[in-house]
Protein backbone atom coordinates (compact mmCIF):
# COMPACT_ATOMS: atom_id res chain seq x y z
CA UNK A 1 117.26 21.96 50.63
CA UNK A 2 116.68 22.73 54.29
CA UNK A 3 113.40 21.41 55.60
CA UNK A 4 112.44 20.03 52.16
CA UNK A 5 111.68 23.50 50.84
CA UNK A 6 112.76 24.66 47.42
CA UNK A 7 115.15 27.63 47.34
CA UNK A 8 112.39 29.93 46.02
CA UNK A 9 109.97 28.84 48.75
CA UNK A 10 112.59 29.36 51.42
CA UNK A 11 113.40 32.77 49.98
CA UNK A 12 109.70 33.71 49.84
CA UNK A 13 109.21 32.70 53.46
CA UNK A 14 112.21 34.77 54.54
CA UNK A 15 110.98 37.87 52.67
CA UNK A 16 107.45 37.58 54.06
CA UNK A 17 108.87 37.15 57.58
CA UNK A 18 111.13 40.19 57.07
CA UNK A 19 114.17 38.07 57.91
CA UNK A 20 117.46 39.93 57.44
CA UNK A 21 119.35 36.85 56.20
CA UNK A 22 118.62 33.52 54.55
CA UNK A 23 120.76 30.66 53.20
CA UNK A 24 119.61 29.11 49.93
CA UNK A 25 121.21 25.73 49.27
CA UNK A 26 121.45 23.60 46.10
CA UNK A 27 120.36 26.34 43.72
CA UNK A 28 120.72 25.18 40.11
CA UNK A 29 121.24 28.59 38.58
CA UNK A 30 121.63 32.26 39.32
CA UNK A 31 120.21 33.97 42.37
CA UNK A 32 118.18 36.24 40.07
CA UNK A 33 116.32 33.15 38.80
CA UNK A 34 115.52 32.13 42.37
CA UNK A 35 114.11 35.60 43.06
CA UNK A 36 112.15 35.49 39.78
CA UNK A 37 110.55 32.16 40.69
CA UNK A 38 109.71 33.37 44.21
CA UNK A 39 108.07 36.54 42.90
CA UNK A 40 106.25 34.61 40.21
CA UNK A 41 104.71 32.38 42.88
CA UNK A 42 103.66 35.35 45.00
CA UNK A 43 104.06 38.85 43.50
CA UNK A 44 102.91 40.37 46.82
CA UNK A 45 106.48 39.88 48.07
CA UNK A 46 107.36 43.06 46.15
CA UNK A 47 105.69 45.01 48.95
CA UNK A 48 108.32 43.71 51.39
CA UNK A 49 111.55 43.63 49.40
CA UNK A 50 113.80 46.69 49.07
CA UNK A 51 117.08 45.13 47.88
CA UNK A 52 119.50 42.30 48.54
CA UNK A 53 123.16 41.34 48.59
CA UNK A 54 124.65 37.85 48.46
CA UNK A 55 127.76 35.72 48.52
CA UNK A 56 127.92 32.19 47.11
CA UNK A 57 129.72 28.86 47.10
CA UNK A 58 129.80 26.25 44.33
CA UNK A 59 129.29 22.56 45.05
CA UNK A 60 129.09 19.43 42.87
CA UNK A 61 131.35 17.86 40.26
CA UNK A 62 128.96 17.07 37.40
CA UNK A 63 125.97 19.26 38.22
CA UNK A 64 127.03 22.63 39.64
CA UNK A 65 124.93 23.88 42.51
CA UNK A 66 125.19 27.15 44.36
CA UNK A 67 124.71 28.00 48.00
CA UNK A 68 123.74 31.63 48.42
CA UNK A 69 123.99 33.52 51.68
CA UNK A 70 121.55 36.36 51.10
CA UNK A 71 121.23 39.59 53.06
CA UNK A 72 117.71 40.98 52.60
CA UNK A 73 116.73 44.59 53.07
CA UNK A 74 113.06 45.01 53.93
CA UNK A 75 111.07 48.09 52.92
CA UNK A 76 110.52 50.50 55.81
CA UNK A 77 106.83 50.81 54.88
CA UNK A 78 106.32 47.07 54.44
CA UNK A 79 102.92 45.82 55.64
CA UNK A 80 102.50 43.45 58.57
CA UNK A 81 101.59 40.44 56.46
CA UNK A 82 101.04 39.32 52.87
CA UNK A 83 97.27 39.57 53.25
CA UNK A 84 97.64 43.33 53.66
CA UNK A 85 98.81 43.65 50.04
CA UNK A 86 96.35 44.22 47.19
CA UNK A 87 96.67 42.53 43.79
CA UNK A 88 94.84 42.85 40.48
CA UNK A 89 92.64 39.93 41.54
CA UNK A 90 91.23 42.10 44.35
CA UNK A 91 89.97 44.68 41.83
CA UNK A 92 90.86 47.46 44.25
CA UNK A 93 89.14 50.82 44.28
CA UNK A 94 90.94 54.13 44.83
CA UNK A 95 90.01 54.30 48.51
CA UNK A 96 91.53 50.85 49.14
CA UNK A 97 94.73 51.87 47.37
CA UNK A 98 95.13 54.78 49.78
CA UNK A 99 95.16 52.32 52.67
CA UNK A 100 97.05 49.33 51.27
CA UNK A 101 99.92 48.77 48.79
CA UNK A 102 99.10 47.30 45.39
CA UNK A 103 101.18 44.86 43.35
CA UNK A 104 100.03 44.95 39.75
CA UNK A 105 101.02 43.98 36.24
CA UNK A 106 99.19 47.04 34.89
CA UNK A 107 100.28 50.07 36.95
CA UNK A 108 99.26 52.66 34.36
CA UNK A 109 95.63 51.56 34.42
CA UNK A 110 95.42 51.95 38.18
CA UNK A 111 97.20 55.31 38.18
CA UNK A 112 94.81 56.55 35.50
CA UNK A 113 91.82 55.60 37.67
CA UNK A 114 93.41 57.37 40.62
CA UNK A 115 93.89 60.55 38.61
CA UNK A 116 90.25 60.42 37.53
CA UNK A 117 89.08 59.86 41.11
CA UNK A 118 91.41 62.38 42.74
CA UNK A 119 88.58 64.73 43.74
CA UNK A 120 86.47 62.03 45.38
CA UNK A 121 89.53 60.77 47.26
CA UNK A 122 90.00 64.22 48.75
CA UNK A 123 86.43 64.15 50.04
CA UNK A 124 87.20 61.11 52.17
CA UNK A 125 90.22 62.51 54.05
CA UNK A 126 90.00 65.75 55.98
CA UNK A 127 92.98 68.00 55.36
CA UNK A 128 94.19 66.14 52.28
CA UNK A 129 95.48 68.09 49.32
CA UNK A 130 95.94 65.59 46.51
CA UNK A 131 98.07 62.47 46.63
CA UNK A 132 101.46 61.25 45.57
CA UNK A 133 102.25 57.86 44.10
CA UNK A 134 105.38 55.76 43.75
CA UNK A 135 106.18 52.75 41.61
CA UNK A 136 108.87 50.17 42.25
CA UNK A 137 109.83 46.91 40.63
CA UNK A 138 112.75 44.69 39.67
CA UNK A 139 113.16 44.74 35.90
CA UNK A 140 113.95 41.36 34.41
CA UNK A 141 112.87 39.55 37.57
CA UNK A 142 109.16 40.34 37.86
CA UNK A 143 106.65 41.83 35.38
CA UNK A 144 104.76 43.37 38.30
CA UNK A 145 105.29 46.65 40.09
CA UNK A 146 104.52 47.86 43.57
CA UNK A 147 102.32 50.98 43.74
CA UNK A 148 102.10 53.01 46.93
CA UNK A 149 99.63 55.89 47.12
CA UNK A 150 99.86 58.42 49.91
CA UNK A 151 97.65 61.44 50.51
CA UNK A 152 99.34 64.80 50.90
CA UNK A 153 98.11 66.72 53.93
CA UNK A 154 97.98 70.45 54.65
CA UNK A 155 99.68 70.09 58.02
CA UNK A 156 101.74 67.57 59.93
CA UNK A 157 99.84 64.71 61.67
CA UNK A 158 100.16 66.18 65.16
CA UNK A 159 98.84 69.58 64.07
CA UNK A 160 95.96 68.02 62.14
CA UNK A 161 95.08 65.84 65.11
CA UNK A 162 94.93 68.95 67.28
CA UNK A 163 92.62 70.70 64.84
CA UNK A 164 90.33 67.67 64.67
CA UNK A 165 90.16 67.23 68.45
CA UNK A 166 89.24 70.87 68.99
CA UNK A 167 86.63 70.72 66.21
CA UNK A 168 85.04 67.61 67.74
CA UNK A 169 84.86 69.31 71.12
CA UNK A 170 83.34 72.41 69.54
CA UNK A 171 80.69 70.38 67.69
CA UNK A 172 79.43 69.09 71.04
CA UNK A 173 79.33 72.61 72.45
CA UNK A 174 77.50 73.96 69.40
CA UNK A 175 74.67 71.46 69.74
CA UNK A 176 74.25 72.57 73.36
CA UNK A 177 74.18 76.16 72.13
CA UNK A 178 71.51 75.31 69.57
CA UNK A 179 69.31 72.97 71.60
CA UNK A 180 70.19 73.39 75.24
CA UNK A 181 68.61 70.38 76.97
CA UNK A 182 66.05 69.77 74.20
CA UNK A 183 66.14 66.54 72.23
CA UNK A 184 65.43 67.10 68.53
CA UNK A 185 64.68 64.28 66.07
CA UNK A 186 67.32 63.47 63.49
CA UNK A 187 65.44 64.93 60.51
CA UNK A 188 65.43 68.42 62.13
CA UNK A 189 69.17 68.53 62.77
CA UNK A 190 70.49 69.13 59.21
CA UNK A 191 68.43 72.32 59.11
CA UNK A 192 69.62 73.39 62.57
CA UNK A 193 73.27 72.75 61.63
CA UNK A 194 72.88 74.73 58.41
CA UNK A 195 71.10 77.51 60.31
CA UNK A 196 73.98 77.75 62.80
CA UNK A 197 76.70 77.72 60.09
CA UNK A 198 75.01 80.39 57.99
CA UNK A 199 74.40 82.71 60.91
CA UNK A 200 77.70 82.27 62.72
CA UNK A 201 80.36 81.80 60.03
CA UNK A 202 81.81 83.95 57.29
CA UNK A 203 83.13 82.87 53.94
CA UNK A 204 86.92 83.24 53.77
CA UNK A 205 87.34 85.00 50.42
CA UNK A 206 91.12 85.28 50.79
CA UNK A 207 91.40 81.50 51.12
CA UNK A 208 89.13 81.02 48.11
CA UNK A 209 91.15 83.45 45.99
CA UNK A 210 94.37 81.61 46.88
CA UNK A 211 92.83 78.26 45.96
CA UNK A 212 91.39 79.62 42.72
CA UNK A 213 94.75 81.08 41.70
CA UNK A 214 96.45 77.67 41.98
CA UNK A 215 94.11 74.74 42.77
CA UNK A 216 97.06 72.32 42.99
CA UNK A 217 99.05 74.37 45.51
CA UNK A 218 99.30 73.45 49.18
CA UNK A 219 97.38 76.10 51.19
CA UNK A 220 99.48 78.38 53.37
CA UNK A 221 96.61 78.47 55.88
CA UNK A 222 94.87 75.09 56.37
CA UNK A 223 92.26 76.40 58.81
CA UNK A 224 89.55 77.43 56.28
CA UNK A 225 89.79 73.98 54.66
CA UNK A 226 89.16 72.06 57.90
CA UNK A 227 86.18 71.64 60.22
CA UNK A 228 88.18 73.66 62.73
CA UNK A 229 87.80 76.78 60.56
CA UNK A 230 84.01 77.22 60.71
CA UNK A 231 83.49 75.52 64.07
CA UNK A 232 86.22 77.30 66.02
CA UNK A 233 87.37 80.40 64.12
CA UNK A 234 84.00 80.92 62.38
CA UNK A 235 85.54 81.14 58.88
CA UNK A 236 85.96 78.73 56.02
CA UNK A 237 85.51 77.86 52.38
CA UNK A 238 83.53 74.94 50.95
CA UNK A 239 85.83 72.16 52.20
CA UNK A 240 85.94 73.49 55.73
CA UNK A 241 82.19 74.06 55.80
CA UNK A 242 81.49 70.56 54.47
CA UNK A 243 83.74 69.02 57.12
CA UNK A 244 82.16 71.23 59.81
CA UNK A 245 78.72 70.01 58.75
CA UNK A 246 80.05 66.45 58.80
CA UNK A 247 81.29 66.88 62.40
CA UNK A 248 77.91 68.27 63.46
CA UNK A 249 76.08 65.36 61.85
CA UNK A 250 78.48 62.85 63.37
CA UNK A 251 77.87 64.34 66.82
CA UNK A 252 74.13 64.05 66.15
CA UNK A 253 74.48 60.37 65.16
CA UNK A 254 73.48 60.98 61.53
CA UNK A 255 75.24 59.25 58.66
CA UNK A 256 76.98 61.89 56.56
CA UNK A 257 79.76 62.12 54.01
CA UNK A 258 81.55 64.82 52.07
CA UNK A 259 81.20 65.02 48.29
CA UNK A 260 83.65 66.65 45.88
CA UNK A 261 82.62 68.13 42.58
CA UNK A 262 82.17 71.56 41.04
CA UNK A 263 79.62 74.33 40.83
CA UNK A 264 78.54 74.78 37.21
CA UNK A 265 78.88 78.55 37.45
CA UNK A 266 82.58 78.27 38.39
CA UNK A 267 83.79 74.82 37.41
CA UNK A 268 87.46 75.85 37.21
CA UNK A 269 87.81 75.16 40.92
CA UNK A 270 86.50 72.27 42.94
CA UNK A 271 83.61 72.45 45.36
CA UNK A 272 82.59 70.32 48.34
CA UNK A 273 79.28 69.64 50.06
CA UNK A 274 77.55 66.80 51.95
CA UNK A 275 75.24 63.85 51.68
CA UNK A 276 73.11 62.91 54.69
CA UNK A 277 71.10 59.74 55.18
CA UNK A 278 67.75 59.78 56.97
CA UNK A 279 65.36 56.83 57.11
CA UNK A 280 67.42 55.04 54.48
CA UNK A 281 67.30 57.87 51.93
CA UNK A 282 70.08 60.29 50.96
CA UNK A 283 69.84 64.07 50.59
CA UNK A 284 72.33 66.69 49.39
CA UNK A 285 73.21 69.57 51.70
CA UNK A 286 75.39 72.49 50.58
CA UNK A 287 75.91 74.83 53.52
CA UNK A 288 78.43 77.04 51.71
CA UNK A 289 76.04 78.71 49.28
CA UNK A 290 75.42 82.27 50.51
CA UNK A 291 77.45 81.62 53.65
CA UNK A 292 77.90 84.78 55.71
CA UNK A 293 75.21 86.76 53.93
CA UNK A 294 72.14 88.00 55.73
CA UNK A 295 69.69 85.25 56.58
CA UNK A 296 69.59 81.50 56.08
CA UNK A 297 69.61 80.28 52.49
CA UNK A 298 67.75 77.02 51.86
CA UNK A 299 68.74 76.46 48.23
CA UNK A 300 71.25 73.77 49.24
CA UNK A 301 69.24 72.02 51.96
CA UNK A 302 67.97 68.43 51.61
CA UNK A 303 68.00 68.18 47.84
CA UNK A 304 67.79 65.26 45.42
CA UNK A 305 70.24 64.41 42.66
CA UNK A 306 67.70 65.71 40.16
CA UNK A 307 67.59 69.09 41.88
CA UNK A 308 71.34 69.35 42.43
CA UNK A 309 72.34 68.52 38.85
CA UNK A 310 71.04 71.96 37.86
CA UNK A 311 73.84 73.66 39.79
CA UNK A 312 76.41 71.00 40.78
CA UNK A 313 78.48 68.37 39.00
CA UNK A 314 80.07 65.33 40.63
CA UNK A 315 81.06 61.72 39.99
CA UNK A 316 77.70 60.11 40.60
CA UNK A 317 79.18 56.63 40.61
CA UNK A 318 81.36 57.44 43.63
CA UNK A 319 78.50 58.28 46.05
CA UNK A 320 75.00 56.94 46.75
CA UNK A 321 72.09 58.39 44.82
CA UNK A 322 70.16 61.10 46.65
CA UNK A 323 66.47 60.38 46.15
CA UNK A 324 64.99 61.53 49.46
CA UNK A 325 62.02 63.87 49.13
CA UNK A 326 60.29 63.66 52.50
CA UNK A 327 62.40 65.82 54.81
CA UNK A 328 62.24 69.12 52.96
CA UNK A 329 62.42 72.40 54.84
CA UNK A 330 58.66 72.76 54.54
CA UNK A 331 58.28 69.48 56.45
CA UNK A 332 60.82 70.53 59.08
CA UNK A 333 59.36 74.02 59.42
CA UNK A 334 55.88 72.66 60.06
CA UNK A 335 57.27 70.26 62.64
CA UNK A 336 59.18 73.02 64.43
CA UNK A 337 56.18 75.32 64.66
CA UNK A 338 54.08 72.50 66.06
CA UNK A 339 56.65 71.00 68.42
CA UNK A 340 59.56 73.41 68.91
CA UNK A 341 57.96 75.74 71.44
CA UNK A 342 58.77 73.64 74.52
CA UNK A 343 62.37 73.31 73.34
CA UNK A 344 62.91 77.01 74.03
CA UNK A 345 61.92 76.40 77.64
CA UNK A 346 64.63 73.73 77.69
CA UNK A 347 67.32 76.13 76.54
CA UNK A 348 67.03 75.90 72.75
CA UNK A 349 67.96 79.12 70.93
CA UNK A 350 65.13 80.57 68.85
CA UNK A 351 67.73 82.22 66.63
CA UNK A 352 68.55 78.85 65.05
CA UNK A 353 65.11 77.24 65.27
CA UNK A 354 63.26 80.20 63.80
CA UNK A 355 65.70 82.44 61.85
CA UNK A 356 64.28 85.85 61.07
CA UNK A 357 65.40 85.83 57.44
CA UNK A 358 64.97 82.61 55.45
CA UNK A 359 65.08 82.58 51.68
CA UNK A 360 65.27 80.07 48.81
């Protein structure tokens, strides 16, 4: 054995190093047994190995040994190193499985969790439309299987990147449109972002009807589902509005995330909104409700879990609890009337600070 290594250790090292060939000397048995022992020692090797071919020579008079010259074929999507592979011991969550391959002895359990968490996964990736999974293993050699999970996107990476870049640029411009040179505190900005979205954007009913007709279908037009839709073309449905709000909060330096769930009045199709964090407390914001109608609707602004459970459903274990009660619109409104006047002199637009029509 070269270098004092056992055949299975030498094979494992070659697979992990993505070596195209390896010689295994003094093997007391079939090559399949060598592979089985290597994979038993470190199942993560499944994430690297696609297939193999080999030739052999016999040596020895009493005890027959084999020398195998093995040609290894590495997986094209193999990770950089073994540490990039998840195992059951890592207790991976769905989000981790989107980023890293998993080698598991219980693939069905993990796939079941993924199916249950599909909606929340979509809320973490702009432009995603479900996911697709693959399983691969070597029957009779390893009891484990490799699971790869990949999100499906509404457009190719280059197109999506273009949409995102333009939306980021537009978010900067929109804050200048709203505030000019004025500097507003963080707790005022969710209201200002909602005020802008509700006054400037329309709800894309055609996109909603298409999604309602077949929620699993890939949209023909991705724009209403992306931040680009409301921010640039001034149209969108819930996903696009939630991502637009996210971009505006990100530009304002406010922690924000998108949340997937349903509206109780129409739970046949998914819905998306946001969570924002201010002074350590979370609040729900749904900027889609009454989008495009006259006035600014406050029914989805800075709400607690208790308030939102009356109209929304979501996986409450997948997101932080919203318990914030301080920064209601009444608090913000009082602050604006006391402090917002000088902002107008600095270029802030009264249209967004003080909308003419506000209703609950």
